[in-house]
Amino acid sequence: MIYTSGMIPLVPETMQIVEGGVQQQTRQVLENLKELLGTTGSSLDKAIKTTVFIKDMNDFPKINEVYAEYFISNQPARSTVEVARLPKDVLVEIEVIAYIE
C-alpha cells in the first residue's frame, strides 16, 4: 500500500503553483499524483481512496469534471471536504491511498 500526503498543484520543474483556475490546479495535482504513484510501482488505476480538499464547494463540479478524466475505469472511494485555507492558498489538494502489486 502507498499513502500519499496531500498534493498541491506545484509544477515540478519550477516549484511554483500552476497558473489558472481550479481545473488547471486539479489537473496539475492529478498529474503530480500520477507521476508519484508511478515511481512506486502503483498508479491512479490502483487507487482505492482519495480525499479532496477544496477551498470552495461551488468548484466541485469543475473539479469533478477533471477528476473523471483521470479515474475512468477505476473510481476509488472519495471524500470531498471544503476547508478555509490550503497551503500556498491553492484551490485544491488531493491525497491518495493506492495499492502496489
PDB file of N, CA and C in Angstrom:
ATOM      1  N   MET A   1       0.843  -1.188   0.000  1.00  0.00           N
ATOM      2  CA  MET A   1       0.000   0.000   0.000  1.00  0.00           C
ATOM      3  C   MET A   1       0.883   1.243   0.000  1.00  0.00           C
ATOM      4  N   ILE A   2       0.367   2.288  -0.612  1.00  0.00           N
ATOM      5  CA  ILE A   2       1.034   3.582  -0.553  1.00  0.00           C
ATOM      6  C   ILE A   2      -0.001   4.616  -0.113  1.00  0.00           C
ATOM      7  N   TYR A   3       0.405   5.426   0.822  1.00  0.00           N
ATOM      8  CA  TYR A   3      -0.419   6.515   1.336  1.00  0.00           C
ATOM      9  C   TYR A   3       0.315   7.809   1.004  1.00  0.00           C
ATOM     10  N   THR A   4      -0.283   8.648   0.179  1.00  0.00           N
ATOM     11  CA  THR A   4       0.377   9.909  -0.144  1.00  0.00           C
ATOM     12  C   THR A   4      -0.096  10.984   0.827  1.00  0.00           C
ATOM     13  N   SER A   5       0.742  11.960   1.016  1.00  0.00           N
ATOM     14  CA  SER A   5       0.286  13.147   1.724  1.00  0.00           C
ATOM     15  C   SER A   5      -0.498  13.980   0.722  1.00  0.00           C
ATOM     16  N   GLY A   6      -1.103  15.048   1.186  1.00  0.00           N
ATOM     17  CA  GLY A   6      -1.853  15.907   0.281  1.00  0.00           C
ATOM     18  C   GLY A   6      -0.937  16.522  -0.761  1.00  0.00           C
ATOM     19  N   MET A   7      -1.352  16.449  -2.009  1.00  0.00           N
ATOM     20  CA  MET A   7      -0.578  17.009  -3.118  1.00  0.00           C
ATOM     21  C   MET A   7      -1.257  18.295  -3.550  1.00  0.00           C
ATOM     22  N   ILE A   8      -0.452  19.346  -3.722  1.00  0.00           N
ATOM     23  CA  ILE A   8      -0.971  20.612  -4.217  1.00  0.00           C
ATOM     24  C   ILE A   8      -0.462  20.840  -5.632  1.00  0.00           C
ATOM     25  N   PRO A   9      -1.000  21.826  -6.359  1.00  0.00           N
ATOM     26  CA  PRO A   9      -0.669  21.980  -7.773  1.00  0.00           C
ATOM     27  C   PRO A   9       0.650  22.692  -8.067  1.00  0.00           C
ATOM     28  N   LEU A  10       1.733  22.126  -7.564  1.00  0.00           N
ATOM     29  CA  LEU A  10       3.066  22.653  -7.875  1.00  0.00           C
ATOM     30  C   LEU A  10       3.544  22.078  -9.200  1.00  0.00           C
ATOM     31  N   VAL A  11       4.114  22.936 -10.017  1.00  0.00           N
ATOM     32  CA  VAL A  11       4.754  22.482 -11.252  1.00  0.00           C
ATOM     33  C   VAL A  11       6.148  21.990 -10.859  1.00  0.00           C
ATOM     34  N   PRO A  12       6.469  20.699 -11.056  1.00  0.00           N
ATOM     35  CA  PRO A  12       7.742  20.151 -10.564  1.00  0.00           C
ATOM     36  C   PRO A  12       8.987  20.892 -11.046  1.00  0.00           C
ATOM     37  N   GLU A  13       8.980  21.339 -12.292  1.00  0.00           N
ATOM     38  CA  GLU A  13      10.171  21.981 -12.839  1.00  0.00           C
ATOM     39  C   GLU A  13      10.467  23.342 -12.199  1.00  0.00           C
ATOM     40  N   THR A  14       9.424  24.037 -11.796  1.00  0.00           N
ATOM     41  CA  THR A  14       9.609  25.392 -11.247  1.00  0.00           C
ATOM     42  C   THR A  14       9.299  25.496  -9.763  1.00  0.00           C
ATOM     43  N   MET A  15       8.602  24.496  -9.236  1.00  0.00           N
ATOM     44  CA  MET A  15       8.131  24.500  -7.846  1.00  0.00           C
ATOM     45  C   MET A  15       7.236  25.714  -7.569  1.00  0.00           C
ATOM     46  N   GLN A  16       6.538  26.156  -8.608  1.00  0.00           N
ATOM     47  CA  GLN A  16       5.566  27.250  -8.495  1.00  0.00           C
ATOM     48  C   GLN A  16       4.164  26.663  -8.688  1.00  0.00           C
ATOM     49  N   ILE A  17       3.171  27.359  -8.165  1.00  0.00           N
ATOM     50  CA  ILE A  17       1.792  26.932  -8.354  1.00  0.00           C
ATOM     51  C   ILE A  17       1.416  27.120  -9.828  1.00  0.00           C
ATOM     52  N   VAL A  18       0.746  26.128 -10.397  1.00  0.00           N
ATOM     53  CA  VAL A  18       0.325  26.210 -11.795  1.00  0.00           C
ATOM     54  C   VAL A  18      -0.595  27.419 -11.976  1.00  0.00           C
ATOM     55  N   GLU A  19      -0.455  28.076 -13.104  1.00  0.00           N
ATOM     56  CA  GLU A  19      -1.314  29.220 -13.402  1.00  0.00           C
ATOM     57  C   GLU A  19      -2.683  28.727 -13.840  1.00  0.00           C
ATOM     58  N   GLY A  20      -3.694  29.525 -13.581  1.00  0.00           N
ATOM     59  CA  GLY A  20      -5.048  29.185 -13.997  1.00  0.00           C
ATOM     60  C   GLY A  20      -5.953  28.967 -12.806  1.00  0.00           C
ATOM     61  N   GLY A  21      -7.139  28.490 -13.091  1.00  0.00           N
ATOM     62  CA  GLY A  21      -8.156  28.297 -12.067  1.00  0.00           C
ATOM     63  C   GLY A  21      -8.167  26.895 -11.486  1.00  0.00           C
ATOM     64  N   VAL A  22      -9.294  26.543 -10.922  1.00  0.00           N
ATOM     65  CA  VAL A  22      -9.410  25.285 -10.193  1.00  0.00           C
ATOM     66  C   VAL A  22      -9.246  24.067 -11.105  1.00  0.00           C
ATOM     67  N   GLN A  23      -9.666  24.140 -12.353  1.00  0.00           N
ATOM     68  CA  GLN A  23      -9.493  22.989 -13.238  1.00  0.00           C
ATOM     69  C   GLN A  23      -8.026  22.755 -13.581  1.00  0.00           C
ATOM     70  N   GLN A  24      -7.288  23.822 -13.845  1.00  0.00           N
ATOM     71  CA  GLN A  24      -5.861  23.685 -14.119  1.00  0.00           C
ATOM     72  C   GLN A  24      -5.130  23.180 -12.874  1.00  0.00           C
ATOM     73  N   GLN A  25      -5.528  23.670 -11.722  1.00  0.00           N
ATOM     74  CA  GLN A  25      -4.895  23.213 -10.486  1.00  0.00           C
ATOM     75  C   GLN A  25      -5.206  21.741 -10.226  1.00  0.00           C
ATOM     76  N   THR A  26      -6.436  21.329 -10.452  1.00  0.00           N
ATOM     77  CA  THR A  26      -6.811  19.919 -10.255  1.00  0.00           C
ATOM     78  C   THR A  26      -6.023  19.030 -11.203  1.00  0.00           C
ATOM     79  N   ARG A  27      -5.914  19.434 -12.454  1.00  0.00           N
ATOM     80  CA  ARG A  27      -5.157  18.651 -13.444  1.00  0.00           C
ATOM     81  C   ARG A  27      -3.692  18.503 -13.014  1.00  0.00           C
ATOM     82  N   GLN A  28      -3.086  19.590 -12.521  1.00  0.00           N
ATOM     83  CA  GLN A  28      -1.685  19.528 -12.088  1.00  0.00           C
ATOM     84  C   GLN A  28      -1.532  18.601 -10.888  1.00  0.00           C
ATOM     85  N   VAL A  29      -2.449  18.685  -9.941  1.00  0.00           N
ATOM     86  CA  VAL A  29      -2.401  17.793  -8.774  1.00  0.00           C
ATOM     87  C   VAL A  29      -2.468  16.343  -9.229  1.00  0.00           C
ATOM     88  N   LEU A  30      -3.397  16.024 -10.113  1.00  0.00           N
ATOM     89  CA  LEU A  30      -3.549  14.639 -10.560  1.00  0.00           C
ATOM     90  C   LEU A  30      -2.361  14.172 -11.391  1.00  0.00           C
ATOM     91  N   GLU A  31      -1.775  15.053 -12.179  1.00  0.00           N
ATOM     92  CA  GLU A  31      -0.550  14.699 -12.909  1.00  0.00           C
ATOM     93  C   GLU A  31       0.581  14.414 -11.924  1.00  0.00           C
ATOM     94  N   ASN A  32       0.694  15.232 -10.885  1.00  0.00           N
ATOM     95  CA  ASN A  32       1.733  15.013  -9.874  1.00  0.00           C
ATOM     96  C   ASN A  32       1.520  13.688  -9.156  1.00  0.00           C
ATOM     97  N   LEU A  33       0.279  13.386  -8.801  1.00  0.00           N
ATOM     98  CA  LEU A  33      -0.010  12.116  -8.131  1.00  0.00           C
ATOM     99  C   LEU A  33       0.248  10.934  -9.063  1.00  0.00           C
ATOM    100  N   LYS A  34      -0.117  11.080 -10.318  1.00  0.00           N
ATOM    101  CA  LYS A  34       0.138  10.027 -11.313  1.00  0.00           C
ATOM    102  C   LYS A  34       1.639   9.723 -11.396  1.00  0.00           C
ATOM    103  N   GLU A  35       2.441  10.771 -11.455  1.00  0.00           N
ATOM    104  CA  GLU A  35       3.900  10.608 -11.519  1.00  0.00           C
ATOM    105  C   GLU A  35       4.432   9.967 -10.237  1.00  0.00           C
ATOM    106  N   LEU A  36       4.000  10.458  -9.102  1.00  0.00           N
ATOM    107  CA  LEU A  36       4.456   9.918  -7.815  1.00  0.00           C
ATOM    108  C   LEU A  36       4.095   8.451  -7.675  1.00  0.00           C
ATOM    109  N   LEU A  37       2.852   8.102  -7.963  1.00  0.00           N
ATOM    110  CA  LEU A  37       2.442   6.708  -7.839  1.00  0.00           C
ATOM    111  C   LEU A  37       3.215   5.825  -8.805  1.00  0.00           C
ATOM    112  N   GLY A  38       3.497   6.324  -9.996  1.00  0.00           N
ATOM    113  CA  GLY A  38       4.273   5.562 -10.969  1.00  0.00           C
ATOM    114  C   GLY A  38       5.659   5.209 -10.475  1.00  0.00           C
ATOM    115  N   THR A  39       6.268   6.102  -9.702  1.00  0.00           N
ATOM    116  CA  THR A  39       7.615   5.824  -9.186  1.00  0.00           C
ATOM    117  C   THR A  39       7.611   4.745  -8.111  1.00  0.00           C
ATOM    118  N   THR A  40       6.439   4.418  -7.571  1.00  0.00           N
ATOM    119  CA  THR A  40       6.343   3.411  -6.518  1.00  0.00           C
ATOM    120  C   THR A  40       5.873   2.058  -7.031  1.00  0.00           C
ATOM    121  N   GLY A  41       5.558   2.000  -8.340  1.00  0.00           N
ATOM    122  CA  GLY A  41       5.017   0.765  -8.896  1.00  0.00           C
ATOM    123  C   GLY A  41       3.501   0.719  -8.806  1.00  0.00           C
ATOM    124  N   SER A  42       2.892   1.818  -8.464  1.00  0.00           N
ATOM    125  CA  SER A  42       1.444   1.898  -8.398  1.00  0.00           C
ATOM    126  C   SER A  42       0.961   2.831  -9.509  1.00  0.00           C
ATOM    127  N   SER A  43      -0.301   3.198  -9.481  1.00  0.00           N
ATOM    128  CA  SER A  43      -0.864   4.109 -10.480  1.00  0.00           C
ATOM    129  C   SER A  43      -2.213   4.611  -9.979  1.00  0.00           C
ATOM    130  N   LEU A  44      -2.757   5.574 -10.684  1.00  0.00           N
ATOM    131  CA  LEU A  44      -4.097   6.051 -10.338  1.00  0.00           C
ATOM    132  C   LEU A  44      -5.133   4.945 -10.514  1.00  0.00           C
ATOM    133  N   ASP A  45      -4.885   4.006 -11.427  1.00  0.00           N
ATOM    134  CA  ASP A  45      -5.796   2.871 -11.611  1.00  0.00           C
ATOM    135  C   ASP A  45      -5.841   1.964 -10.385  1.00  0.00           C
ATOM    136  N   LYS A  46      -4.836   2.063  -9.542  1.00  0.00           N
ATOM    137  CA  LYS A  46      -4.775   1.224  -8.342  1.00  0.00           C
ATOM    138  C   LYS A  46      -5.175   1.990  -7.085  1.00  0.00           C
ATOM    139  N   ALA A  47      -5.702   3.190  -7.278  1.00  0.00           N
ATOM    140  CA  ALA A  47      -6.156   3.980  -6.134  1.00  0.00           C
ATOM    141  C   ALA A  47      -7.425   3.363  -5.560  1.00  0.00           C
ATOM    142  N   ILE A  48      -7.494   3.295  -4.239  1.00  0.00           N
ATOM    143  CA  ILE A  48      -8.692   2.760  -3.588  1.00  0.00           C
ATOM    144  C   ILE A  48      -9.434   3.825  -2.791  1.00  0.00           C
ATOM    145  N   LYS A  49      -8.764   4.950  -2.491  1.00  0.00           N
ATOM    146  CA  LYS A  49      -9.404   6.018  -1.715  1.00  0.00           C
ATOM    147  C   LYS A  49      -8.696   7.329  -1.994  1.00  0.00           C
ATOM    148  N   THR A  50      -9.467   8.384  -2.193  1.00  0.00           N
ATOM    149  CA  THR A  50      -8.901   9.720  -2.300  1.00  0.00           C
ATOM    150  C   THR A  50      -9.635  10.643  -1.337  1.00  0.00           C
ATOM    151  N   THR A  51      -8.930  11.656  -0.904  1.00  0.00           N
ATOM    152  CA  THR A  51      -9.542  12.736  -0.146  1.00  0.00           C
ATOM    153  C   THR A  51      -9.215  14.017  -0.887  1.00  0.00           C
ATOM    154  N   VAL A  52     -10.252  14.767  -1.215  1.00  0.00           N
ATOM    155  CA  VAL A  52     -10.112  16.010  -1.973  1.00  0.00           C
ATOM    156  C   VAL A  52     -10.474  17.157  -1.036  1.00  0.00           C
ATOM    157  N   PHE A  53      -9.536  18.062  -0.866  1.00  0.00           N
ATOM    158  CA  PHE A  53      -9.766  19.253  -0.054  1.00  0.00           C
ATOM    159  C   PHE A  53      -9.925  20.422  -1.015  1.00  0.00           C
ATOM    160  N   ILE A  54     -11.026  21.144  -0.904  1.00  0.00           N
ATOM    161  CA  ILE A  54     -11.256  22.266  -1.814  1.00  0.00           C
ATOM    162  C   ILE A  54     -11.584  23.523  -1.027  1.00  0.00           C
ATOM    163  N   LYS A  55     -11.197  24.635  -1.597  1.00  0.00           N
ATOM    164  CA  LYS A  55     -11.422  25.923  -0.950  1.00  0.00           C
ATOM    165  C   LYS A  55     -12.880  26.352  -1.040  1.00  0.00           C
ATOM    166  N   ASP A  56     -13.558  25.991  -2.127  1.00  0.00           N
ATOM    167  CA  ASP A  56     -14.934  26.426  -2.348  1.00  0.00           C
ATOM    168  C   ASP A  56     -15.750  25.270  -2.914  1.00  0.00           C
ATOM    169  N   MET A  57     -16.744  24.811  -2.164  1.00  0.00           N
ATOM    170  CA  MET A  57     -17.564  23.680  -2.592  1.00  0.00           C
ATOM    171  C   MET A  57     -18.286  23.972  -3.914  1.00  0.00           C
ATOM    172  N   ASN A  58     -18.456  25.230  -4.251  1.00  0.00           N
ATOM    173  CA  ASN A  58     -19.068  25.582  -5.539  1.00  0.00           C
ATOM    174  C   ASN A  58     -18.191  25.162  -6.719  1.00  0.00           C
ATOM    175  N   ASP A  59     -16.902  24.914  -6.467  1.00  0.00           N
ATOM    176  CA  ASP A  59     -15.984  24.452  -7.509  1.00  0.00           C
ATOM    177  C   ASP A  59     -16.061  22.946  -7.726  1.00  0.00           C
ATOM    178  N   PHE A  60     -16.832  22.244  -6.921  1.00  0.00           N
ATOM    179  CA  PHE A  60     -16.876  20.786  -7.015  1.00  0.00           C
ATOM    180  C   PHE A  60     -17.197  20.280  -8.422  1.00  0.00           C
ATOM    181  N   PRO A  61     -18.191  20.825  -9.133  1.00  0.00           N
ATOM    182  CA  PRO A  61     -18.456  20.314 -10.493  1.00  0.00           C
ATOM    183  C   PRO A  61     -17.254  20.462 -11.440  1.00  0.00           C
ATOM    184  N   LYS A  62     -16.533  21.554 -11.334  1.00  0.00           N
ATOM    185  CA  LYS A  62     -15.355  21.765 -12.192  1.00  0.00           C
ATOM    186  C   LYS A  62     -14.257  20.777 -11.832  1.00  0.00           C
ATOM    187  N   ILE A  63     -14.043  20.566 -10.548  1.00  0.00           N
ATOM    188  CA  ILE A  63     -13.039  19.601 -10.085  1.00  0.00           C
ATOM    189  C   ILE A  63     -13.445  18.202 -10.530  1.00  0.00           C
ATOM    190  N   ASN A  64     -14.711  17.877 -10.364  1.00  0.00           N
ATOM    191  CA  ASN A  64     -15.215  16.552 -10.707  1.00  0.00           C
ATOM    192  C   ASN A  64     -15.045  16.252 -12.196  1.00  0.00           C
ATOM    193  N   GLU A  65     -15.193  17.251 -13.028  1.00  0.00           N
ATOM    194  CA  GLU A  65     -15.015  17.082 -14.469  1.00  0.00           C
ATOM    195  C   GLU A  65     -13.589  16.635 -14.798  1.00  0.00           C
ATOM    196  N   VAL A  66     -12.604  17.284 -14.194  1.00  0.00           N
ATOM    197  CA  VAL A  66     -11.200  16.910 -14.423  1.00  0.00           C
ATOM    198  C   VAL A  66     -10.904  15.568 -13.760  1.00  0.00           C
ATOM    199  N   TYR A  67     -11.388  15.381 -12.552  1.00  0.00           N
ATOM    200  CA  TYR A  67     -11.187  14.138 -11.807  1.00  0.00           C
ATOM    201  C   TYR A  67     -11.637  12.932 -12.648  1.00  0.00           C
ATOM    202  N   ALA A  68     -12.774  13.071 -13.321  1.00  0.00           N
ATOM    203  CA  ALA A  68     -13.325  11.978 -14.134  1.00  0.00           C
ATOM    204  C   ALA A  68     -12.425  11.623 -15.314  1.00  0.00           C
ATOM    205  N   GLU A  69     -11.596  12.559 -15.773  1.00  0.00           N
ATOM    206  CA  GLU A  69     -10.654  12.274 -16.856  1.00  0.00           C
ATOM    207  C   GLU A  69      -9.534  11.334 -16.400  1.00  0.00           C
ATOM    208  N   TYR A  70      -9.241  11.327 -15.120  1.00  0.00           N
ATOM    209  CA  TYR A  70      -8.125  10.537 -14.582  1.00  0.00           C
ATOM    210  C   TYR A  70      -8.577   9.217 -13.960  1.00  0.00           C
ATOM    211  N   PHE A  71      -9.804   9.153 -13.526  1.00  0.00           N
ATOM    212  CA  PHE A  71     -10.338   7.933 -12.915  1.00  0.00           C
ATOM    213  C   PHE A  71     -11.477   7.424 -13.792  1.00  0.00           C
ATOM    214  N   ILE A  72     -11.104   6.767 -14.888  1.00  0.00           N
ATOM    215  CA  ILE A  72     -12.082   6.320 -15.876  1.00  0.00           C
ATOM    216  C   ILE A  72     -12.593   4.928 -15.537  1.00  0.00           C
ATOM    217  N   SER A  73     -11.696   3.955 -15.505  1.00  0.00           N
ATOM    218  CA  SER A  73     -12.116   2.576 -15.259  1.00  0.00           C
ATOM    219  C   SER A  73     -12.194   2.260 -13.768  1.00  0.00           C
ATOM    220  N   ASN A  74     -11.376   2.933 -12.991  1.00  0.00           N
ATOM    221  CA  ASN A  74     -11.366   2.701 -11.545  1.00  0.00           C
ATOM    222  C   ASN A  74     -11.786   3.991 -10.857  1.00  0.00           C
ATOM    223  N   GLN A  75     -12.900   3.947 -10.174  1.00  0.00           N
ATOM    224  CA  GLN A  75     -13.366   5.124  -9.442  1.00  0.00           C
ATOM    225  C   GLN A  75     -13.261   4.829  -7.956  1.00  0.00           C
ATOM    226  N   PRO A  76     -12.167   5.278  -7.334  1.00  0.00           N
ATOM    227  CA  PRO A  76     -11.957   4.967  -5.926  1.00  0.00           C
ATOM    228  C   PRO A  76     -12.965   5.688  -5.038  1.00  0.00           C
ATOM    229  N   ALA A  77     -13.125   5.176  -3.828  1.00  0.00           N
ATOM    230  CA  ALA A  77     -13.935   5.883  -2.842  1.00  0.00           C
ATOM    231  C   ALA A  77     -13.340   7.273  -2.665  1.00  0.00           C
ATOM    232  N   ARG A  78     -14.206   8.265  -2.452  1.00  0.00           N
ATOM    233  CA  ARG A  78     -13.709   9.635  -2.368  1.00  0.00           C
ATOM    234  C   ARG A  78     -14.470  10.408  -1.312  1.00  0.00           C
ATOM    235  N   SER A  79     -13.720  11.172  -0.541  1.00  0.00           N
ATOM    236  CA  SER A  79     -14.293  12.162   0.361  1.00  0.00           C
ATOM    237  C   SER A  79     -13.885  13.520  -0.161  1.00  0.00           C
ATOM    238  N   THR A  80     -14.807  14.464  -0.152  1.00  0.00           N
ATOM    239  CA  THR A  80     -14.506  15.831  -0.574  1.00  0.00           C
ATOM    240  C   THR A  80     -14.895  16.758   0.567  1.00  0.00           C
ATOM    241  N   VAL A  81     -13.936  17.602   0.960  1.00  0.00           N
ATOM    242  CA  VAL A  81     -14.120  18.461   2.117  1.00  0.00           C
ATOM    243  C   VAL A  81     -13.776  19.897   1.751  1.00  0.00           C
ATOM    244  N   GLU A  82     -14.672  20.823   2.079  1.00  0.00           N
ATOM    245  CA  GLU A  82     -14.361  22.243   1.911  1.00  0.00           C
ATOM    246  C   GLU A  82     -13.596  22.704   3.144  1.00  0.00           C
ATOM    247  N   VAL A  83     -12.503  23.416   2.905  1.00  0.00           N
ATOM    248  CA  VAL A  83     -11.669  23.908   4.001  1.00  0.00           C
ATOM    249  C   VAL A  83     -11.490  25.414   3.878  1.00  0.00           C
ATOM    250  N   ALA A  84     -11.145  26.047   4.974  1.00  0.00           N
ATOM    251  CA  ALA A  84     -10.997  27.504   4.986  1.00  0.00           C
ATOM    252  C   ALA A  84      -9.769  27.957   4.213  1.00  0.00           C
ATOM    253  N   ARG A  85      -8.694  27.176   4.307  1.00  0.00           N
ATOM    254  CA  ARG A  85      -7.458  27.589   3.646  1.00  0.00           C
ATOM    255  C   ARG A  85      -6.588  26.370   3.384  1.00  0.00           C
ATOM    256  N   LEU A  86      -5.890  26.400   2.252  1.00  0.00           N
ATOM    257  CA  LEU A  86      -4.962  25.337   1.884  1.00  0.00           C
ATOM    258  C   LEU A  86      -3.556  25.911   1.777  1.00  0.00           C
ATOM    259  N   PRO A  87      -2.525  25.052   1.818  1.00  0.00           N
ATOM    260  CA  PRO A  87      -1.149  25.544   1.695  1.00  0.00           C
ATOM    261  C   PRO A  87      -0.971  26.401   0.441  1.00  0.00           C
ATOM    262  N   LYS A  88      -0.237  27.464   0.593  1.00  0.00           N
ATOM    263  CA  LYS A  88       0.068  28.388  -0.507  1.00  0.00           C
ATOM    264  C   LYS A  88      -1.186  28.972  -1.148  1.00  0.00           C
ATOM    265  N   ASP A  89      -2.299  28.929  -0.409  1.00  0.00           N
ATOM    266  CA  ASP A  89      -3.583  29.458  -0.883  1.00  0.00           C
ATOM    267  C   ASP A  89      -4.062  28.838  -2.183  1.00  0.00           C
ATOM    268  N   VAL A  90      -3.735  27.552  -2.400  1.00  0.00           N
ATOM    269  CA  VAL A  90      -4.212  26.859  -3.596  1.00  0.00           C
ATOM    270  C   VAL A  90      -5.708  26.599  -3.462  1.00  0.00           C
ATOM    271  N   LEU A  91      -6.319  26.167  -4.550  1.00  0.00           N
ATOM    272  CA  LEU A  91      -7.756  25.930  -4.577  1.00  0.00           C
ATOM    273  C   LEU A  91      -8.129  24.475  -4.323  1.00  0.00           C
ATOM    274  N   VAL A  92      -7.150  23.555  -4.478  1.00  0.00           N
ATOM    275  CA  VAL A  92      -7.432  22.130  -4.332  1.00  0.00           C
ATOM    276  C   VAL A  92      -6.182  21.390  -3.852  1.00  0.00           C
ATOM    277  N   GLU A  93      -6.400  20.367  -3.052  1.00  0.00           N
ATOM    278  CA  GLU A  93      -5.344  19.465  -2.574  1.00  0.00           C
ATOM    279  C   GLU A  93      -5.949  18.067  -2.542  1.00  0.00           C
ATOM    280  N   ILE A  94      -5.192  17.071  -2.989  1.00  0.00           N
ATOM    281  CA  ILE A  94      -5.711  15.696  -3.038  1.00  0.00           C
ATOM    282  C   ILE A  94      -4.687  14.736  -2.447  1.00  0.00           C
ATOM    283  N   GLU A  95      -5.174  13.811  -1.638  1.00  0.00           N
ATOM    284  CA  GLU A  95      -4.336  12.711  -1.148  1.00  0.00           C
ATOM    285  C   GLU A  95      -4.931  11.400  -1.628  1.00  0.00           C
ATOM    286  N   VAL A  96      -4.071  10.381  -1.765  1.00  0.00           N
ATOM    287  CA  VAL A  96      -4.483   9.099  -2.342  1.00  0.00           C
ATOM    288  C   VAL A  96      -3.959   7.939  -1.502  1.00  0.00           C
ATOM    289  N   ILE A  97      -4.764   6.907  -1.422  1.00  0.00           N
ATOM    290  CA  ILE A  97      -4.331   5.608  -0.923  1.00  0.00           C
ATOM    291  C   ILE A  97      -4.446   4.651  -2.106  1.00  0.00           C
ATOM    292  N   ALA A  98      -3.355   3.960  -2.421  1.00  0.00           N
ATOM    293  CA  ALA A  98      -3.341   3.047  -3.568  1.00  0.00           C
ATOM    294  C   ALA A  98      -2.596   1.776  -3.181  1.00  0.00           C
ATOM    295  N   TYR A  99      -2.797   0.746  -3.958  1.00  0.00           N
ATOM    296  CA  TYR A  99      -2.061  -0.491  -3.709  1.00  0.00           C
ATOM    297  C   TYR A  99      -0.944  -0.653  -4.729  1.00  0.00           C
ATOM    298  N   ILE A 100       0.003  -1.477  -4.362  1.00  0.00           N
ATOM    299  CA  ILE A 100       1.147  -1.793  -5.218  1.00  0.00           C
ATOM    300  C   ILE A 100       1.113  -3.305  -5.454  1.00  0.00           C
ATOM    301  N   GLU A 101       1.268  -3.713  -6.700  1.00  0.00           N
ATOM    302  CA  GLU A 101       1.295  -5.154  -6.985  1.00  0.00           C
ATOM    303  C   GLU A 101       2.702  -5.660  -6.998  1.00  0.00           C
TER     304      GLU A 101
END
